[in-house]
C-alpha atoms as a PDB file:
ATOM      1  CA  MET A   1      -7.039  49.979  63.565  1.00  0.00           C
ATOM      2  CA  MET A   2     -10.006  50.458  65.587  1.00  0.00           C
ATOM      3  CA  HIS A   3     -13.894  49.721  65.440  1.00  0.00           C
ATOM      4  CA  ARG A   4     -16.335  52.268  64.358  1.00  0.00           C
ATOM      5  CA  TYR A   5     -19.868  52.564  66.027  1.00  0.00           C
ATOM      6  CA  HIS A   6     -21.562  49.857  63.976  1.00  0.00           C
ATOM      7  CA  GLU A   7     -25.005  50.926  64.503  1.00  0.00           C
ATOM      8  CA  ASN A   8     -24.391  54.074  62.196  1.00  0.00           C
ATOM      9  CA  LEU A   9     -22.782  52.539  59.429  1.00  0.00           C
ATOM     10  CA  PRO A  10     -24.658  52.269  56.109  1.00  0.00           C
ATOM     11  CA  GLY A  11     -26.120  48.711  55.602  1.00  0.00           C
ATOM     12  CA  TYR A  12     -25.814  47.844  59.290  1.00  0.00           C
ATOM     13  CA  ASP A  13     -27.736  44.687  60.244  1.00  0.00           C
ATOM     14  CA  ALA A  14     -27.417  43.365  63.884  1.00  0.00           C
ATOM     15  CA  ARG A  15     -26.906  39.831  62.568  1.00  0.00           C
ATOM     16  CA  GLN A  16     -23.752  40.725  60.946  1.00  0.00           C
ATOM     17  CA  ILE A  17     -20.551  39.264  62.508  1.00  0.00           C
ATOM     18  CA  LEU A  18     -18.279  41.639  60.697  1.00  0.00           C
ATOM     19  CA  HIS A  19     -19.527  45.019  59.379  1.00  0.00           C
ATOM     20  CA  ASP A  20     -18.769  47.023  55.986  1.00  0.00           C
ATOM     21  CA  GLY A  21     -17.301  50.456  56.598  1.00  0.00           C
ATOM     22  CA  CYS A  22     -15.713  49.644  59.936  1.00  0.00           C
ATOM     23  CA  PRO A  23     -12.030  49.577  59.324  1.00  0.00           C
ATOM     24  CA  GLU A  24     -11.383  47.009  61.889  1.00  0.00           C
ATOM     25  CA  CYS A  25     -14.146  44.534  60.825  1.00  0.00           C
ATOM     26  CA  GLU A  26     -12.861  44.993  57.106  1.00  0.00           C
ATOM     27  CA  HIS A  27      -9.443  44.328  58.022  1.00  0.00           C
ATOM     28  CA  ARG A  28     -10.498  40.959  59.973  1.00  0.00           C
ATOM     29  CA  GLY A  29     -12.826  40.047  57.047  1.00  0.00           C
ATOM     30  CA  ALA A  30      -9.711  40.202  54.619  1.00  0.00           C
ATOM     31  CA  ASP A  31      -7.793  37.647  56.816  1.00  0.00           C
ATOM     32  CA  ILE A  32      -9.886  34.761  57.689  1.00  0.00           C
ATOM     33  CA  GLU A  33      -7.137  33.408  60.287  1.00  0.00           C
ATOM     34  CA  LEU A  34      -7.541  36.945  62.032  1.00  0.00           C
ATOM     35  CA  ALA A  35     -11.273  36.987  61.869  1.00  0.00           C
ATOM     36  CA  LEU A  36     -11.319  33.737  63.563  1.00  0.00           C
ATOM     37  CA  ALA A  37      -8.706  34.307  66.138  1.00  0.00           C
ATOM     38  CA  HIS A  38     -10.684  37.384  67.257  1.00  0.00           C
ATOM     39  CA  MET A  39     -13.909  35.543  67.880  1.00  0.00           C
ATOM     40  CA  ASP A  40     -15.116  34.720  71.282  1.00  0.00           C
ATOM     41  CA  ARG A  41     -17.208  31.579  71.890  1.00  0.00           C
ATOM     42  CA  PRO A  42     -20.562  33.307  71.563  1.00  0.00           C
ATOM     43  CA  THR A  43     -19.536  35.203  68.480  1.00  0.00           C
ATOM     44  CA  PHE A  44     -18.005  31.835  66.849  1.00  0.00           C
ATOM     45  CA  ILE A  45     -21.218  30.182  67.636  1.00  0.00           C
ATOM     46  CA  ARG A  46     -23.221  32.988  65.963  1.00  0.00           C
ATOM     47  CA  ALA A  47     -20.895  32.924  63.026  1.00  0.00           C
ATOM     48  CA  TRP A  48     -21.281  29.018  62.536  1.00  0.00           C
ATOM     49  CA  ARG A  49     -24.951  29.454  62.659  1.00  0.00           C
ATOM     50  CA  ARG A  50     -24.858  32.360  60.205  1.00  0.00           C
ATOM     51  CA  ALA A  51     -22.574  30.205  57.933  1.00  0.00           C
ATOM     52  CA  GLN A  52     -25.431  27.473  57.843  1.00  0.00           C
ATOM     53  CA  GLU A  53     -28.122  29.857  56.873  1.00  0.00           C
ATOM     54  CA  PHE A  54     -25.485  31.339  54.183  1.00  0.00           C
ATOM     55  CA  ASN A  55     -25.042  27.768  52.705  1.00  0.00           C
ATOM     56  CA  LYS A  56     -28.685  27.350  52.319  1.00  0.00           C
ATOM     57  CA  SER A  57     -29.559  30.848  50.772  1.00  0.00           C
ATOM     58  CA  SER A  58     -27.717  34.068  51.196  1.00  0.00           C
ATOM     59  CA  SER A  59     -31.042  36.025  50.350  1.00  0.00           C
ATOM     60  CA  GLY A  60     -32.349  38.299  52.944  1.00  0.00           C
ATOM     61  CA  LEU A  61     -29.478  37.654  55.405  1.00  0.00           C
ATOM     62  CA  GLY A  62     -27.954  41.075  55.040  1.00  0.00           C
ATOM     63  CA  ILE A  63     -24.519  39.378  54.433  1.00  0.00           C
ATOM     64  CA  SER A  64     -21.774  42.155  54.641  1.00  0.00           C
ATOM     65  CA  ARG A  65     -18.708  41.989  52.241  1.00  0.00           C
ATOM     66  CA  ALA A  66     -16.516  41.901  55.497  1.00  0.00           C
ATOM     67  CA  GLU A  67     -18.179  38.646  56.747  1.00  0.00           C
ATOM     68  CA  ALA A  68     -18.694  36.959  53.551  1.00  0.00           C
ATOM     69  CA  PRO A  69     -15.088  35.311  53.185  1.00  0.00           C
ATOM     70  CA  VAL A  70     -15.315  33.841  56.734  1.00  0.00           C
ATOM     71  CA  LEU A  71     -18.987  32.739  56.288  1.00  0.00           C
ATOM     72  CA  ARG A  72     -17.665  30.840  53.129  1.00  0.00           C
ATOM     73  CA  VAL A  73     -14.766  28.961  54.843  1.00  0.00           C
ATOM     74  CA  LEU A  74     -17.050  28.002  57.850  1.00  0.00           C
ATOM     75  CA  GLY A  75     -19.780  26.704  55.320  1.00  0.00           C
ATOM     76  CA  SER A  76     -17.119  25.009  53.517  1.00  0.00           C
ATOM     77  CA  ILE A  77     -15.880  23.269  56.679  1.00  0.00           C
ATOM     78  CA  GLN A  78     -19.400  22.386  57.689  1.00  0.00           C
ATOM     79  CA  LEU A  79     -20.148  20.633  54.439  1.00  0.00           C
ATOM     80  CA  ARG A  80     -17.013  18.563  54.696  1.00  0.00           C
ATOM     81  CA  VAL A  81     -17.750  17.733  58.220  1.00  0.00           C
ATOM     82  CA  ALA A  82     -21.416  16.625  57.309  1.00  0.00           C
ATOM     83  CA  ASP A  83     -19.929  14.513  54.401  1.00  0.00           C
ATOM     84  CA  MET A  84     -17.743  12.681  56.606  1.00  0.00           C
ATOM     85  CA  VAL A  85     -20.126  12.127  59.220  1.00  0.00           C
ATOM     86  CA  ASN A  86     -22.689  10.768  56.805  1.00  0.00           C
ATOM     87  CA  SER A  87     -20.031   8.453  55.184  1.00  0.00           C
ATOM     88  CA  GLY A  88     -19.526   6.970  58.745  1.00  0.00           C
ATOM     89  CA  THR A  89     -15.822   8.619  59.126  1.00  0.00           C
ATOM     90  CA  SER A  90     -14.948   9.423  62.706  1.00  0.00           C
ATOM     91  CA  ILE A  91     -13.842  13.111  63.157  1.00  0.00           C
ATOM     92  CA  ALA A  92     -12.931  12.788  66.693  1.00  0.00           C
ATOM     93  CA  GLY A  93      -9.338  11.299  66.088  1.00  0.00           C
ATOM     94  CA  MET A  94      -8.409  13.657  63.376  1.00  0.00           C
END
């Protein structure tokens, strides 16, 4: 499995973490554990921030089908962590 040149793919958006039409990106998008395992720190931070935006509204974000599952999982984690923090629960010792 290998990456395709993303910029030439239909629907390409530079903000995307994983790109539709790229076999490697689509493979990772189908396996959230694999997608997260292959993210370096800067990519994970971009994905985390993108998931925050996606939680608020997916409109106008150019979300790819390949990245949507990982953004949903990260967004769910963000909501759970926020609930815990807002209720005074410490997450440091989990």
